[in-house]
C-alpha atoms as a PDB file:
ATOM      1  CA  UNK A   1      -1.476   0.030  17.866  1.00  0.00           C
ATOM      2  CA  UNK A   2      -0.547  -2.021  20.144  1.00  0.00           C
ATOM      3  CA  UNK A   3      -2.535  -1.752  24.171  1.00  0.00           C
ATOM      4  CA  UNK A   4       0.401  -3.154  25.316  1.00  0.00           C
ATOM      5  CA  UNK A   5       2.967  -1.079  23.898  1.00  0.00           C
ATOM      6  CA  UNK A   6       0.607   2.011  24.675  1.00  0.00           C
ATOM      7  CA  UNK A   7       0.537   0.683  28.399  1.00  0.00           C
ATOM      8  CA  UNK A   8       4.587   0.333  28.140  1.00  0.00           C
ATOM      9  CA  UNK A   9       5.006   4.289  26.912  1.00  0.00           C
ATOM     10  CA  UNK A  10       2.343   5.864  29.190  1.00  0.00           C
ATOM     11  CA  UNK A  11       3.934   3.550  31.802  1.00  0.00           C
ATOM     12  CA  UNK A  12       7.416   5.143  30.934  1.00  0.00           C
ATOM     13  CA  UNK A  13       6.870   8.568  30.372  1.00  0.00           C
ATOM     14  CA  UNK A  14       9.624   8.532  27.954  1.00  0.00           C
ATOM     15  CA  UNK A  15      10.799  12.317  27.308  1.00  0.00           C
ATOM     16  CA  UNK A  16      10.716  11.712  23.566  1.00  0.00           C
ATOM     17  CA  UNK A  17       7.195   9.976  23.710  1.00  0.00           C
ATOM     18  CA  UNK A  18       5.902  12.188  20.948  1.00  0.00           C
ATOM     19  CA  UNK A  19       8.706  11.060  18.845  1.00  0.00           C
ATOM     20  CA  UNK A  20       8.587   7.874  19.261  1.00  0.00           C
ATOM     21  CA  UNK A  21       4.128   7.820  18.832  1.00  0.00           C
ATOM     22  CA  UNK A  22       4.874   9.252  15.147  1.00  0.00           C
ATOM     23  CA  UNK A  23       7.697   6.622  14.863  1.00  0.00           C
ATOM     24  CA  UNK A  24       5.557   3.662  15.726  1.00  0.00           C
ATOM     25  CA  UNK A  25       2.895   5.292  12.895  1.00  0.00           C
ATOM     26  CA  UNK A  26       5.324   5.059  10.108  1.00  0.00           C
ATOM     27  CA  UNK A  27       6.539   1.983  11.038  1.00  0.00           C
ATOM     28  CA  UNK A  28       3.228   0.335  11.044  1.00  0.00           C
ATOM     29  CA  UNK A  29       2.628   2.544   7.962  1.00  0.00           C
ATOM     30  CA  UNK A  30       5.051   0.561   5.781  1.00  0.00           C
ATOM     31  CA  UNK A  31       3.646  -2.975   5.458  1.00  0.00           C
ATOM     32  CA  UNK A  32      -0.114  -4.104   6.454  1.00  0.00           C
ATOM     33  CA  UNK A  33       1.615  -7.158   7.575  1.00  0.00           C
ATOM     34  CA  UNK A  34       3.611  -5.367  10.410  1.00  0.00           C
ATOM     35  CA  UNK A  35       2.387  -6.199  13.834  1.00  0.00           C
ATOM     36  CA  UNK A  36       4.002  -4.428  17.125  1.00  0.00           C
ATOM     37  CA  UNK A  37       4.649  -6.146  20.604  1.00  0.00           C
ATOM     38  CA  UNK A  38       6.994  -5.551  23.256  1.00  0.00           C
ATOM     39  CA  UNK A  39      10.837  -7.272  22.993  1.00  0.00           C
ATOM     40  CA  UNK A  40      13.365  -6.632  25.047  1.00  0.00           C
ATOM     41  CA  UNK A  41      11.466  -4.651  27.107  1.00  0.00           C
ATOM     42  CA  UNK A  42      10.852  -2.133  24.407  1.00  0.00           C
ATOM     43  CA  UNK A  43       8.407  -1.714  21.335  1.00  0.00           C
ATOM     44  CA  UNK A  44       9.306  -4.221  18.313  1.00  0.00           C
ATOM     45  CA  UNK A  45       7.996  -4.542  15.122  1.00  0.00           C
ATOM     46  CA  UNK A  46       7.702  -8.051  13.141  1.00  0.00           C
ATOM     47  CA  UNK A  47       5.929  -9.923  10.145  1.00  0.00           C
ATOM     48  CA  UNK A  48       7.320 -13.319  10.509  1.00  0.00           C
ATOM     49  CA  UNK A  49      10.298 -12.391  12.679  1.00  0.00           C
ATOM     50  CA  UNK A  50      11.109  -9.263  14.693  1.00  0.00           C
ATOM     51  CA  UNK A  51      12.979  -6.590  12.414  1.00  0.00           C
ATOM     52  CA  UNK A  52      12.614  -3.200  14.109  1.00  0.00           C
ATOM     53  CA  UNK A  53      13.009  -2.338  18.021  1.00  0.00           C
ATOM     54  CA  UNK A  54      13.238   0.665  19.862  1.00  0.00           C
ATOM     55  CA  UNK A  55      15.817   1.972  21.978  1.00  0.00           C
ATOM     56  CA  UNK A  56      14.408   3.386  24.947  1.00  0.00           C
ATOM     57  CA  UNK A  57      17.640   3.785  27.081  1.00  0.00           C
ATOM     58  CA  UNK A  58      19.408   6.234  25.046  1.00  0.00           C
ATOM     59  CA  UNK A  59      20.314   9.434  27.276  1.00  0.00           C
ATOM     60  CA  UNK A  60      18.983  11.479  24.219  1.00  0.00           C
ATOM     61  CA  UNK A  61      17.129  11.196  21.056  1.00  0.00           C
ATOM     62  CA  UNK A  62      15.521   8.161  20.190  1.00  0.00           C
ATOM     63  CA  UNK A  63      16.889   4.987  18.419  1.00  0.00           C
ATOM     64  CA  UNK A  64      15.497   2.209  16.486  1.00  0.00           C
ATOM     65  CA  UNK A  65      17.636  -0.382  15.826  1.00  0.00           C
ATOM     66  CA  UNK A  66      17.039  -2.454  12.463  1.00  0.00           C
ATOM     67  CA  UNK A  67      17.818  -6.111  12.712  1.00  0.00           C
ATOM     68  CA  UNK A  68      16.803  -9.833  11.285  1.00  0.00           C
ATOM     69  CA  UNK A  69      15.732 -11.178  14.137  1.00  0.00           C
ATOM     70  CA  UNK A  70      17.382 -12.090  17.867  1.00  0.00           C
ATOM     71  CA  UNK A  71      20.227 -13.982  16.037  1.00  0.00           C
ATOM     72  CA  UNK A  72      22.538 -12.440  13.688  1.00  0.00           C
ATOM     73  CA  UNK A  73      22.693 -13.666  10.239  1.00  0.00           C
ATOM     74  CA  UNK A  74      26.213 -13.038   8.281  1.00  0.00           C
ATOM     75  CA  UNK A  75      25.079 -14.237   5.374  1.00  0.00           C
ATOM     76  CA  UNK A  76      22.215 -11.587   5.050  1.00  0.00           C
ATOM     77  CA  UNK A  77      22.533  -9.075   2.225  1.00  0.00           C
ATOM     78  CA  UNK A  78      20.713  -6.206   3.682  1.00  0.00           C
ATOM     79  CA  UNK A  79      23.399  -3.984   3.903  1.00  0.00           C
ATOM     80  CA  UNK A  80      24.549  -4.393  -0.357  1.00  0.00           C
ATOM     81  CA  UNK A  81      20.543  -3.967  -0.794  1.00  0.00           C
ATOM     82  CA  UNK A  82      19.356  -1.308   1.187  1.00  0.00           C
ATOM     83  CA  UNK A  83      19.440   2.528  -0.732  1.00  0.00           C
ATOM     84  CA  UNK A  84      20.429   5.044   1.825  1.00  0.00           C
ATOM     85  CA  UNK A  85      20.730   8.072  -0.081  1.00  0.00           C
ATOM     86  CA  UNK A  86      20.440  10.192   3.474  1.00  0.00           C
ATOM     87  CA  UNK A  87      22.970   8.336   5.282  1.00  0.00           C
ATOM     88  CA  UNK A  88      20.467   7.505   8.217  1.00  0.00           C
ATOM     89  CA  UNK A  89      21.605   3.906   8.699  1.00  0.00           C
ATOM     90  CA  UNK A  90      24.495   3.380  11.190  1.00  0.00           C
ATOM     91  CA  UNK A  91      25.828  -0.126  10.431  1.00  0.00           C
ATOM     92  CA  UNK A  92      26.686  -2.535  12.990  1.00  0.00           C
ATOM     93  CA  UNK A  93      27.058  -5.911  10.970  1.00  0.00           C
ATOM     94  CA  UNK A  94      25.877  -7.006   7.670  1.00  0.00           C
ATOM     95  CA  UNK A  95      22.484  -7.778   9.171  1.00  0.00           C
ATOM     96  CA  UNK A  96      21.757  -4.688  11.660  1.00  0.00           C
ATOM     97  CA  UNK A  97      21.751  -0.894  11.913  1.00  0.00           C
ATOM     98  CA  UNK A  98      20.650   1.646  13.915  1.00  0.00           C
ATOM     99  CA  UNK A  99      18.654   5.110  12.971  1.00  0.00           C
ATOM    100  CA  UNK A 100      18.591   7.808  15.561  1.00  0.00           C
ATOM    101  CA  UNK A 101      15.895  10.935  15.426  1.00  0.00           C
ATOM    102  CA  UNK A 102      16.784  13.748  18.002  1.00  0.00           C
ATOM    103  CA  UNK A 103      13.371  14.698  18.072  1.00  0.00           C
ATOM    104  CA  UNK A 104       9.988  14.782  17.340  1.00  0.00           C
ATOM    105  CA  UNK A 105      11.149  17.068  14.508  1.00  0.00           C
ATOM    106  CA  UNK A 106      14.021  15.712  13.471  1.00  0.00           C
ATOM    107  CA  UNK A 107      11.522  12.485  13.148  1.00  0.00           C
ATOM    108  CA  UNK A 108       9.142  14.226  10.973  1.00  0.00           C
ATOM    109  CA  UNK A 109      11.795  15.589   8.961  1.00  0.00           C
ATOM    110  CA  UNK A 110      13.794  12.088   8.395  1.00  0.00           C
ATOM    111  CA  UNK A 111       9.977  10.082   8.561  1.00  0.00           C
ATOM    112  CA  UNK A 112       9.924   9.519   4.462  1.00  0.00           C
ATOM    113  CA  UNK A 113      13.159   8.108   4.081  1.00  0.00           C
ATOM    114  CA  UNK A 114      12.997   6.314   7.342  1.00  0.00           C
ATOM    115  CA  UNK A 115       9.614   4.650   5.906  1.00  0.00           C
ATOM    116  CA  UNK A 116      11.252   4.037   3.061  1.00  0.00           C
ATOM    117  CA  UNK A 117      14.117   2.123   4.582  1.00  0.00           C
ATOM    118  CA  UNK A 118      11.573  -0.171   6.167  1.00  0.00           C
ATOM    119  CA  UNK A 119      10.008  -0.656   3.041  1.00  0.00           C
ATOM    120  CA  UNK A 120      13.428  -2.004   1.758  1.00  0.00           C
ATOM    121  CA  UNK A 121      14.492  -3.883   4.767  1.00  0.00           C
ATOM    122  CA  UNK A 122      10.977  -5.914   5.258  1.00  0.00           C
ATOM    123  CA  UNK A 123      12.003  -7.664   2.453  1.00  0.00           C
ATOM    124  CA  UNK A 124      15.167  -9.578   3.737  1.00  0.00           C
ATOM    125  CA  UNK A 125      12.892 -10.413   6.699  1.00  0.00           C
ATOM    126  CA  UNK A 126      11.922 -14.415   6.543  1.00  0.00           C
END
């Protein structure tokens, strides 16, 4: 995992650090092409462009914002193409959604479904 991300998390002393670490492992395990770095002062994940970024400033829990890069893509079909049987995605547009986890236990329960969402999401990254 990225040293810069590990340093950011160590310095932040985030109360949800165990959940963040578990979710990092899930994200990086979805596809060997996925890399991590820091974008918007948070851990962010990319292949050819960024597609998932942690929201570390939430008052409770932890959120992962799924997107298709920095600029909105209103023509994207990701909303129609991603199956979400557990209803984890809180859609913010046709190409953006948020997945929220209460804590480590919640991340462990939702982890397999979250990984499957990411496998589908990455197919839309260009």
